[in-house]
């Protein structure tokens, strides 16, 4: 039986080790919790009728969201590579979950401080989809392998401030 090489997970762990980022700042979610976190994220954002088997995989295709999820902005990250460093200033919570896709559509879930997540995502290059999700499941930021970021809030939940997102986009377009 061949072993599967989880390149993304290994790259993230190498990054965390090399940069001496403590586990309390950013770490892989415990195996006893990841299924519940994934289930709650899927219940909060995924329309199971349109995407019954995929869950968060390909969630950046806007037609896969629940009807009570409002897409606030779609953003070209490749045109503005430093956008991620401004992310902690516009997120409504200081801590979040990072869902990052690896081999065979496997999604790893990390939990940590948004500043550490943003730094990791800015300094490491992932050619797969990833999502940052609020720990209260009120907002989601998805970035796909085409460099498109999608900012969305669940109605009635604390989420992104639309003005802050527009200011981010305007600042990036000016620079």
N, C-alpha and C. Protein backbone atom coordinates (compact mmCIF):
# COMPACT_ATOMS: atom_id res chain seq x y z
N UNK A 1 0.84 -1.18 0.00
CA UNK A 1 0.00 0.00 0.00
C UNK A 1 0.89 1.25 0.00
N UNK A 2 0.66 2.13 -0.94
CA UNK A 2 1.48 3.33 -1.08
C UNK A 2 1.05 4.38 -0.06
N UNK A 3 2.02 5.08 0.49
CA UNK A 3 1.74 6.18 1.40
C UNK A 3 1.42 7.43 0.59
N UNK A 4 0.45 8.17 1.06
CA UNK A 4 0.10 9.43 0.39
C UNK A 4 0.98 10.52 0.98
N UNK A 5 1.57 11.33 0.12
CA UNK A 5 2.40 12.44 0.56
C UNK A 5 1.53 13.69 0.65
N UNK A 6 1.29 14.16 1.87
CA UNK A 6 0.50 15.36 2.07
C UNK A 6 1.45 16.56 2.05
N UNK A 7 1.73 17.05 0.86
CA UNK A 7 2.72 18.11 0.65
C UNK A 7 2.35 19.40 1.37
N UNK A 8 1.10 19.82 1.27
CA UNK A 8 0.69 21.09 1.88
C UNK A 8 0.82 21.02 3.40
N UNK A 9 0.33 19.96 4.01
CA UNK A 9 0.46 19.82 5.47
C UNK A 9 1.92 19.84 5.88
N UNK A 10 2.77 19.12 5.13
CA UNK A 10 4.19 19.09 5.44
C UNK A 10 4.83 20.47 5.27
N UNK A 11 4.45 21.20 4.23
CA UNK A 11 4.98 22.55 4.00
C UNK A 11 4.57 23.50 5.13
N UNK A 12 3.32 23.39 5.57
CA UNK A 12 2.86 24.25 6.67
C UNK A 12 3.61 23.92 7.96
N UNK A 13 3.78 22.65 8.24
CA UNK A 13 4.50 22.27 9.46
C UNK A 13 5.95 22.75 9.41
N UNK A 14 6.58 22.62 8.25
CA UNK A 14 7.95 23.11 8.08
C UNK A 14 8.00 24.61 8.33
N UNK A 15 7.03 25.34 7.77
CA UNK A 15 6.96 26.79 7.96
C UNK A 15 6.81 27.14 9.45
N UNK A 16 5.90 26.45 10.14
CA UNK A 16 5.68 26.72 11.56
C UNK A 16 6.94 26.44 12.37
N UNK A 17 7.62 25.35 12.05
CA UNK A 17 8.85 25.01 12.76
C UNK A 17 9.96 26.02 12.47
N UNK A 18 10.18 26.35 11.21
CA UNK A 18 11.25 27.28 10.84
C UNK A 18 11.04 28.67 11.42
N UNK A 19 9.79 29.08 11.53
CA UNK A 19 9.50 30.42 12.05
C UNK A 19 9.18 30.42 13.54
N UNK A 20 9.34 29.26 14.16
CA UNK A 20 9.14 29.09 15.60
C UNK A 20 7.81 29.68 16.07
N UNK A 21 6.76 29.35 15.33
CA UNK A 21 5.41 29.81 15.69
C UNK A 21 4.84 28.83 16.71
N UNK A 22 4.56 29.32 17.91
CA UNK A 22 4.05 28.42 18.96
C UNK A 22 2.68 27.85 18.60
N UNK A 23 2.40 26.67 19.12
CA UNK A 23 1.13 25.99 18.85
C UNK A 23 -0.08 26.84 19.25
N UNK A 24 0.06 27.64 20.29
CA UNK A 24 -1.08 28.47 20.70
C UNK A 24 -1.34 29.62 19.73
N UNK A 25 -0.42 29.88 18.81
CA UNK A 25 -0.60 30.92 17.80
C UNK A 25 -1.19 30.37 16.51
N UNK A 26 -0.80 29.12 16.15
CA UNK A 26 -1.32 28.48 14.94
C UNK A 26 -0.95 27.00 14.97
N UNK A 27 -1.96 26.14 14.84
CA UNK A 27 -1.67 24.71 14.87
C UNK A 27 -2.76 23.92 14.13
N UNK A 28 -2.40 22.71 13.76
CA UNK A 28 -3.33 21.78 13.15
C UNK A 28 -4.36 21.40 14.21
N UNK A 29 -5.63 21.39 13.82
CA UNK A 29 -6.70 21.05 14.76
C UNK A 29 -6.58 19.59 15.18
N UNK A 30 -6.82 19.34 16.43
CA UNK A 30 -6.78 18.00 17.01
C UNK A 30 -7.73 17.07 16.26
N UNK A 31 -7.30 15.85 16.05
CA UNK A 31 -8.10 14.87 15.31
C UNK A 31 -9.47 14.65 15.95
N UNK A 32 -9.59 14.88 17.25
CA UNK A 32 -10.86 14.71 17.93
C UNK A 32 -11.86 15.84 17.67
N UNK A 33 -11.39 16.95 17.09
CA UNK A 33 -12.25 18.11 16.87
C UNK A 33 -12.50 18.44 15.41
N UNK A 34 -11.66 17.96 14.51
CA UNK A 34 -11.74 18.43 13.13
C UNK A 34 -13.06 18.06 12.45
N UNK A 35 -13.62 16.89 12.75
CA UNK A 35 -14.88 16.51 12.10
C UNK A 35 -16.03 17.44 12.50
N UNK A 36 -16.08 17.82 13.77
CA UNK A 36 -17.13 18.71 14.24
C UNK A 36 -16.96 20.10 13.63
N UNK A 37 -15.73 20.59 13.55
CA UNK A 37 -15.47 21.90 12.95
C UNK A 37 -15.85 21.88 11.47
N UNK A 38 -15.46 20.85 10.76
CA UNK A 38 -15.80 20.74 9.34
C UNK A 38 -17.32 20.68 9.14
N UNK A 39 -17.99 19.86 9.95
CA UNK A 39 -19.45 19.72 9.86
C UNK A 39 -20.13 21.06 10.11
N UNK A 40 -19.71 21.77 11.14
CA UNK A 40 -20.33 23.06 11.47
C UNK A 40 -20.08 24.09 10.36
N UNK A 41 -18.89 24.08 9.78
CA UNK A 41 -18.57 25.01 8.68
C UNK A 41 -19.44 24.69 7.46
N UNK A 42 -19.58 23.41 7.15
CA UNK A 42 -20.40 23.02 6.00
C UNK A 42 -21.86 23.38 6.23
N UNK A 43 -22.37 23.14 7.44
CA UNK A 43 -23.75 23.50 7.75
C UNK A 43 -23.97 25.01 7.64
N UNK A 44 -22.97 25.79 8.01
CA UNK A 44 -23.09 27.25 8.00
C UNK A 44 -23.05 27.83 6.59
N UNK A 45 -22.28 27.22 5.68
CA UNK A 45 -22.03 27.87 4.39
C UNK A 45 -22.46 27.09 3.15
N UNK A 46 -22.49 25.78 3.20
CA UNK A 46 -22.69 24.97 2.00
C UNK A 46 -24.16 24.63 1.80
N UNK A 47 -24.65 24.84 0.58
CA UNK A 47 -25.99 24.40 0.20
C UNK A 47 -25.87 22.92 -0.18
N UNK A 48 -26.31 22.05 0.71
CA UNK A 48 -26.15 20.61 0.50
C UNK A 48 -26.91 20.09 -0.73
N UNK A 49 -27.93 20.82 -1.17
CA UNK A 49 -28.66 20.40 -2.38
C UNK A 49 -27.81 20.58 -3.63
N UNK A 50 -26.97 21.59 -3.63
CA UNK A 50 -26.14 21.88 -4.80
C UNK A 50 -24.78 21.20 -4.74
N UNK A 51 -24.36 20.84 -3.54
CA UNK A 51 -23.03 20.28 -3.36
C UNK A 51 -23.05 19.20 -2.28
N UNK A 52 -23.82 18.12 -2.49
CA UNK A 52 -24.03 17.14 -1.41
C UNK A 52 -22.78 16.38 -0.99
N UNK A 53 -21.85 16.16 -1.90
CA UNK A 53 -20.67 15.37 -1.55
C UNK A 53 -19.41 16.20 -1.40
N UNK A 54 -19.39 17.40 -1.95
CA UNK A 54 -18.16 18.17 -1.99
C UNK A 54 -17.87 18.95 -0.71
N UNK A 55 -18.88 19.30 0.04
CA UNK A 55 -18.66 20.10 1.24
C UNK A 55 -18.00 21.42 0.90
N UNK A 56 -16.92 21.74 1.58
CA UNK A 56 -16.21 23.00 1.34
C UNK A 56 -15.32 22.96 0.10
N UNK A 57 -15.10 21.79 -0.44
CA UNK A 57 -14.30 21.68 -1.66
C UNK A 57 -15.03 22.43 -2.79
N UNK A 58 -14.36 23.35 -3.42
CA UNK A 58 -14.90 24.18 -4.49
C UNK A 58 -15.98 25.15 -4.01
N UNK A 59 -15.98 25.48 -2.71
CA UNK A 59 -16.99 26.40 -2.20
C UNK A 59 -16.84 27.78 -2.82
N UNK A 60 -15.68 28.10 -3.36
CA UNK A 60 -15.49 29.42 -3.96
C UNK A 60 -16.33 29.61 -5.23
N UNK A 61 -16.93 28.53 -5.71
CA UNK A 61 -17.92 28.69 -6.78
C UNK A 61 -19.19 29.18 -6.10
N UNK A 62 -19.56 30.41 -6.35
CA UNK A 62 -20.59 31.07 -5.55
C UNK A 62 -21.94 30.35 -5.54
N UNK A 63 -22.20 29.51 -6.51
CA UNK A 63 -23.50 28.83 -6.51
C UNK A 63 -23.57 27.70 -5.49
N UNK A 64 -22.53 27.44 -4.76
CA UNK A 64 -22.52 26.37 -3.76
C UNK A 64 -22.88 26.86 -2.36
N UNK A 65 -23.03 28.18 -2.20
CA UNK A 65 -23.34 28.73 -0.89
C UNK A 65 -24.83 28.60 -0.56
N UNK A 66 -25.10 28.55 0.73
CA UNK A 66 -26.49 28.59 1.22
C UNK A 66 -27.11 29.92 0.82
N UNK A 67 -28.43 29.95 0.78
CA UNK A 67 -29.14 31.17 0.38
C UNK A 67 -28.97 32.31 1.38
N UNK A 68 -28.68 31.99 2.64
CA UNK A 68 -28.52 33.05 3.64
C UNK A 68 -27.07 33.52 3.78
N UNK A 69 -26.25 33.23 2.78
CA UNK A 69 -24.87 33.71 2.75
C UNK A 69 -24.78 34.79 1.70
N UNK A 70 -24.31 35.96 2.11
CA UNK A 70 -24.17 37.10 1.21
C UNK A 70 -22.72 37.24 0.77
N UNK A 71 -22.50 37.23 -0.53
CA UNK A 71 -21.16 37.45 -1.07
C UNK A 71 -20.95 38.96 -1.15
N UNK A 72 -19.94 39.45 -0.45
CA UNK A 72 -19.69 40.88 -0.35
C UNK A 72 -18.75 41.39 -1.43
N UNK A 73 -17.77 40.58 -1.80
CA UNK A 73 -16.79 41.02 -2.80
C UNK A 73 -16.07 39.81 -3.38
N UNK A 74 -15.64 39.99 -4.61
CA UNK A 74 -14.77 39.02 -5.28
C UNK A 74 -13.52 39.80 -5.66
N UNK A 75 -12.36 39.24 -5.40
CA UNK A 75 -11.11 40.00 -5.44
C UNK A 75 -10.03 39.21 -6.16
N UNK A 76 -9.26 39.85 -7.00
CA UNK A 76 -8.15 39.22 -7.73
C UNK A 76 -6.87 39.33 -6.90
N UNK A 77 -6.50 38.25 -6.25
CA UNK A 77 -5.33 38.28 -5.36
C UNK A 77 -4.02 38.33 -6.12
N UNK A 78 -3.98 37.80 -7.32
CA UNK A 78 -2.74 37.79 -8.09
C UNK A 78 -2.34 39.20 -8.53
N UNK A 79 -3.31 40.06 -8.75
CA UNK A 79 -3.01 41.43 -9.16
C UNK A 79 -2.44 42.24 -7.99
N UNK A 80 -2.72 41.80 -6.77
CA UNK A 80 -2.30 42.54 -5.57
C UNK A 80 -1.77 41.55 -4.53
N UNK A 81 -0.53 41.10 -4.66
CA UNK A 81 -0.03 40.01 -3.82
C UNK A 81 0.12 40.34 -2.33
N UNK A 82 0.14 41.60 -1.95
CA UNK A 82 0.31 41.93 -0.53
C UNK A 82 -1.01 42.10 0.21
N UNK A 83 -2.12 41.84 -0.44
CA UNK A 83 -3.44 42.03 0.18
C UNK A 83 -3.59 41.25 1.48
N UNK A 84 -2.98 40.08 1.55
CA UNK A 84 -3.15 39.21 2.70
C UNK A 84 -2.63 39.85 3.99
N UNK A 85 -1.61 40.69 3.87
CA UNK A 85 -1.04 41.31 5.06
C UNK A 85 -2.02 42.30 5.71
N UNK A 86 -2.98 42.80 4.96
CA UNK A 86 -3.98 43.73 5.50
C UNK A 86 -5.20 42.98 6.09
N UNK A 87 -5.24 41.69 5.88
CA UNK A 87 -6.39 40.89 6.31
C UNK A 87 -6.71 41.02 7.81
N UNK A 88 -5.73 40.97 8.70
CA UNK A 88 -6.09 41.07 10.13
C UNK A 88 -6.83 42.35 10.49
N UNK A 89 -6.65 43.39 9.71
CA UNK A 89 -7.31 44.66 10.01
C UNK A 89 -8.79 44.68 9.61
N UNK A 90 -9.19 43.77 8.75
CA UNK A 90 -10.59 43.79 8.30
C UNK A 90 -11.42 42.62 8.82
N UNK A 91 -10.78 41.66 9.46
CA UNK A 91 -11.54 40.52 9.97
C UNK A 91 -12.20 40.86 11.31
N UNK A 92 -13.40 40.36 11.53
CA UNK A 92 -14.13 40.71 12.75
C UNK A 92 -13.68 39.95 14.00
N UNK A 93 -12.84 38.96 13.85
CA UNK A 93 -12.37 38.18 15.00
C UNK A 93 -10.85 38.04 14.90
N UNK A 94 -10.15 38.01 16.03
CA UNK A 94 -8.70 37.87 15.99
C UNK A 94 -8.23 36.43 15.74
N UNK A 95 -9.12 35.45 15.96
CA UNK A 95 -8.77 34.04 15.74
C UNK A 95 -9.72 33.46 14.71
N UNK A 96 -9.24 32.44 13.99
CA UNK A 96 -10.06 31.84 12.93
C UNK A 96 -9.57 30.43 12.65
N UNK A 97 -10.33 29.77 11.79
CA UNK A 97 -9.93 28.46 11.26
C UNK A 97 -9.40 28.67 9.84
N UNK A 98 -8.38 27.91 9.52
CA UNK A 98 -7.85 27.88 8.16
C UNK A 98 -8.09 26.47 7.62
N UNK A 99 -8.84 26.38 6.54
CA UNK A 99 -9.07 25.12 5.85
C UNK A 99 -8.21 25.18 4.59
N UNK A 100 -7.30 24.26 4.44
CA UNK A 100 -6.43 24.29 3.26
C UNK A 100 -6.45 22.92 2.60
N UNK A 101 -6.61 22.95 1.28
CA UNK A 101 -6.73 21.72 0.50
C UNK A 101 -5.35 21.13 0.22
N UNK A 102 -5.30 19.82 0.27
CA UNK A 102 -4.06 19.09 -0.01
C UNK A 102 -4.37 18.02 -1.05
N UNK A 103 -3.52 17.07 -1.15
CA UNK A 103 -3.65 15.97 -2.10
C UNK A 103 -5.02 15.29 -1.99
N UNK A 104 -5.58 14.93 -3.12
CA UNK A 104 -6.84 14.18 -3.19
C UNK A 104 -8.00 14.91 -2.49
N UNK A 105 -8.02 16.24 -2.59
CA UNK A 105 -9.08 17.08 -2.03
C UNK A 105 -9.19 16.98 -0.50
N UNK A 106 -8.14 16.51 0.14
CA UNK A 106 -8.10 16.45 1.60
C UNK A 106 -7.98 17.87 2.14
N UNK A 107 -8.85 18.24 3.09
CA UNK A 107 -8.81 19.57 3.70
C UNK A 107 -8.24 19.44 5.12
N UNK A 108 -7.12 20.14 5.36
CA UNK A 108 -6.56 20.21 6.70
C UNK A 108 -7.16 21.43 7.37
N UNK A 109 -7.39 21.34 8.67
CA UNK A 109 -7.96 22.46 9.41
C UNK A 109 -6.94 22.90 10.47
N UNK A 110 -6.63 24.17 10.41
CA UNK A 110 -5.75 24.80 11.39
C UNK A 110 -6.56 25.82 12.16
N UNK A 111 -6.12 26.09 13.38
CA UNK A 111 -6.76 27.10 14.19
C UNK A 111 -5.68 28.02 14.71
N UNK A 112 -5.95 29.33 14.67
CA UNK A 112 -4.94 30.24 15.18
C UNK A 112 -5.30 31.69 15.03
N UNK A 113 -4.34 32.50 15.35
CA UNK A 113 -4.49 33.94 15.26
C UNK A 113 -4.44 34.35 13.80
N UNK A 114 -5.32 35.26 13.42
CA UNK A 114 -5.42 35.70 12.03
C UNK A 114 -4.09 36.28 11.55
N UNK A 115 -3.37 36.98 12.40
CA UNK A 115 -2.07 37.54 11.99
C UNK A 115 -1.11 36.44 11.56
N UNK A 116 -1.11 35.33 12.28
CA UNK A 116 -0.23 34.21 11.93
C UNK A 116 -0.72 33.51 10.67
N UNK A 117 -2.03 33.37 10.53
CA UNK A 117 -2.60 32.76 9.33
C UNK A 117 -2.26 33.62 8.11
N UNK A 118 -2.45 34.93 8.23
CA UNK A 118 -2.16 35.84 7.11
C UNK A 118 -0.69 35.79 6.72
N UNK A 119 0.18 35.76 7.71
CA UNK A 119 1.62 35.69 7.42
C UNK A 119 1.98 34.39 6.71
N UNK A 120 1.44 33.29 7.20
CA UNK A 120 1.67 31.99 6.55
C UNK A 120 1.21 32.03 5.09
N UNK A 121 0.00 32.51 4.87
CA UNK A 121 -0.55 32.51 3.52
C UNK A 121 0.18 33.49 2.60
N UNK A 122 0.73 34.54 3.16
CA UNK A 122 1.48 35.50 2.36
C UNK A 122 2.86 34.95 1.98
N UNK A 123 3.47 34.22 2.90
CA UNK A 123 4.85 33.75 2.69
C UNK A 123 4.94 32.39 2.02
N UNK A 124 3.90 31.59 2.13
CA UNK A 124 3.89 30.27 1.50
C UNK A 124 2.97 30.33 0.29
N UNK A 125 3.30 29.59 -0.74
CA UNK A 125 2.49 29.58 -1.96
C UNK A 125 1.73 28.27 -2.01
N UNK A 126 0.41 28.37 -2.05
CA UNK A 126 -0.43 27.19 -2.17
C UNK A 126 -1.11 27.23 -3.52
N UNK A 127 -1.03 26.16 -4.25
CA UNK A 127 -1.68 26.11 -5.56
C UNK A 127 -3.03 25.42 -5.47
N UNK A 128 -3.58 25.41 -4.27
CA UNK A 128 -4.88 24.78 -4.05
C UNK A 128 -5.80 25.78 -3.36
N UNK A 129 -7.01 25.36 -3.13
CA UNK A 129 -8.00 26.22 -2.50
C UNK A 129 -7.80 26.25 -0.99
N UNK A 130 -8.09 27.41 -0.40
CA UNK A 130 -8.12 27.50 1.05
C UNK A 130 -9.21 28.46 1.47
N UNK A 131 -9.66 28.29 2.71
CA UNK A 131 -10.70 29.14 3.28
C UNK A 131 -10.27 29.54 4.69
N UNK A 132 -10.62 30.76 5.05
CA UNK A 132 -10.48 31.21 6.43
C UNK A 132 -11.92 31.43 6.91
N UNK A 133 -12.23 30.83 8.05
CA UNK A 133 -13.60 30.85 8.55
C UNK A 133 -13.59 31.31 10.00
N UNK A 134 -14.50 32.21 10.33
CA UNK A 134 -14.63 32.67 11.70
C UNK A 134 -15.01 31.54 12.64
N UNK A 135 -14.52 31.60 13.85
CA UNK A 135 -14.78 30.54 14.81
C UNK A 135 -16.24 30.47 15.24
N UNK A 136 -16.99 31.55 14.95
CA UNK A 136 -18.43 31.54 15.23
C UNK A 136 -19.21 31.24 13.96
N UNK A 137 -18.51 30.93 12.87
CA UNK A 137 -19.10 30.54 11.58
C UNK A 137 -20.00 31.63 10.99
N UNK A 138 -19.62 32.90 11.20
CA UNK A 138 -20.40 34.00 10.66
C UNK A 138 -19.86 34.55 9.35
N UNK A 139 -18.63 34.24 9.01
CA UNK A 139 -18.01 34.76 7.79
C UNK A 139 -17.03 33.73 7.23
N UNK A 140 -16.75 33.88 5.95
CA UNK A 140 -15.82 32.99 5.26
C UNK A 140 -15.09 33.78 4.18
N UNK A 141 -13.83 33.49 4.05
CA UNK A 141 -13.01 34.02 2.96
C UNK A 141 -12.46 32.82 2.24
N UNK A 142 -12.76 32.68 0.95
CA UNK A 142 -12.27 31.56 0.15
C UNK A 142 -11.32 32.10 -0.91
N UNK A 143 -10.24 31.39 -1.13
CA UNK A 143 -9.32 31.73 -2.22
C UNK A 143 -9.12 30.45 -3.03
N UNK A 144 -9.37 30.55 -4.34
CA UNK A 144 -9.24 29.36 -5.17
C UNK A 144 -7.89 29.34 -5.89
N UNK A 145 -7.64 28.29 -6.64
CA UNK A 145 -6.36 28.12 -7.31
C UNK A 145 -6.18 29.06 -8.51
N UNK A 146 -7.18 29.88 -8.80
CA UNK A 146 -7.07 30.90 -9.84
C UNK A 146 -6.75 32.26 -9.24
N UNK A 147 -6.54 32.32 -7.91
CA UNK A 147 -6.21 33.58 -7.25
C UNK A 147 -7.40 34.48 -7.01
N UNK A 148 -8.59 33.92 -7.02
CA UNK A 148 -9.79 34.70 -6.76
C UNK A 148 -10.21 34.52 -5.31
N UNK A 149 -10.35 35.64 -4.61
CA UNK A 149 -10.81 35.62 -3.22
C UNK A 149 -12.27 36.02 -3.19
N UNK A 150 -13.03 35.34 -2.37
CA UNK A 150 -14.45 35.61 -2.24
C UNK A 150 -14.73 35.85 -0.75
N UNK A 151 -15.25 37.04 -0.42
CA UNK A 151 -15.58 37.42 0.94
C UNK A 151 -17.09 37.24 1.12
N UNK A 152 -17.51 36.54 2.17
CA UNK A 152 -18.94 36.31 2.38
C UNK A 152 -19.28 36.30 3.87
N UNK A 153 -20.49 36.74 4.16
CA UNK A 153 -21.05 36.73 5.52
C UNK A 153 -22.34 35.95 5.54
N UNK A 154 -22.63 35.32 6.67
CA UNK A 154 -23.95 34.75 6.89
C UNK A 154 -24.85 35.85 7.42
N UNK A 155 -26.04 35.94 6.89
CA UNK A 155 -27.00 36.96 7.35
C UNK A 155 -27.28 36.79 8.84
N UNK A 156 -27.31 37.92 9.53
CA UNK A 156 -27.63 37.90 10.95
C UNK A 156 -26.45 37.55 11.85
N UNK A 157 -25.27 37.34 11.28
CA UNK A 157 -24.09 37.00 12.06
C UNK A 157 -23.05 38.11 11.95
N UNK A 158 -22.20 38.21 12.96
CA UNK A 158 -21.10 39.16 12.88
C UNK A 158 -20.15 38.68 11.79
N UNK A 159 -19.83 39.57 10.88
CA UNK A 159 -18.97 39.19 9.77
C UNK A 159 -18.12 40.33 9.29
N UNK A 160 -17.70 40.24 8.04
CA UNK A 160 -16.89 41.29 7.44
C UNK A 160 -17.66 42.60 7.38
N UNK A 161 -16.96 43.69 7.57
CA UNK A 161 -17.51 45.02 7.34
C UNK A 161 -17.33 45.31 5.85
N UNK A 162 -18.43 45.45 5.09
CA UNK A 162 -18.32 45.67 3.64
C UNK A 162 -17.47 46.90 3.29
N UNK A 163 -17.54 47.95 4.11
CA UNK A 163 -16.73 49.15 3.85
C UNK A 163 -15.25 48.83 3.98
N UNK A 164 -14.88 48.04 4.97
CA UNK A 164 -13.47 47.68 5.15
C UNK A 164 -12.95 46.87 3.96
N UNK A 165 -13.79 45.99 3.42
CA UNK A 165 -13.39 45.20 2.24
C UNK A 165 -13.22 46.12 1.05
N UNK A 166 -14.14 47.04 0.84
CA UNK A 166 -14.02 47.98 -0.28
C UNK A 166 -12.77 48.84 -0.13
N UNK A 167 -12.46 49.27 1.11
CA UNK A 167 -11.25 50.05 1.33
C UNK A 167 -10.00 49.24 1.03
N UNK A 168 -10.00 47.96 1.38
CA UNK A 168 -8.87 47.09 1.05
C UNK A 168 -8.69 47.02 -0.45
N UNK A 169 -9.77 46.81 -1.16
CA UNK A 169 -9.70 46.69 -2.62
C UNK A 169 -9.24 48.00 -3.24
N UNK A 170 -9.77 49.11 -2.78
CA UNK A 170 -9.38 50.42 -3.33
C UNK A 170 -7.91 50.70 -3.05
N UNK A 171 -7.43 50.44 -1.82
CA UNK A 171 -6.02 50.67 -1.48
C UNK A 171 -5.11 49.83 -2.34
N UNK A 172 -5.49 48.57 -2.57
CA UNK A 172 -4.66 47.69 -3.39
C UNK A 172 -4.65 48.15 -4.84
N UNK A 173 -5.77 48.64 -5.34
CA UNK A 173 -5.82 49.08 -6.74
C UNK A 173 -5.00 50.36 -6.95
N UNK A 174 -4.93 51.21 -5.92
CA UNK A 174 -4.16 52.45 -6.01
C UNK A 174 -2.67 52.16 -5.97
N UNK A 175 -2.25 51.20 -5.12
CA UNK A 175 -0.80 50.93 -4.98
C UNK A 175 -0.19 50.28 -6.17
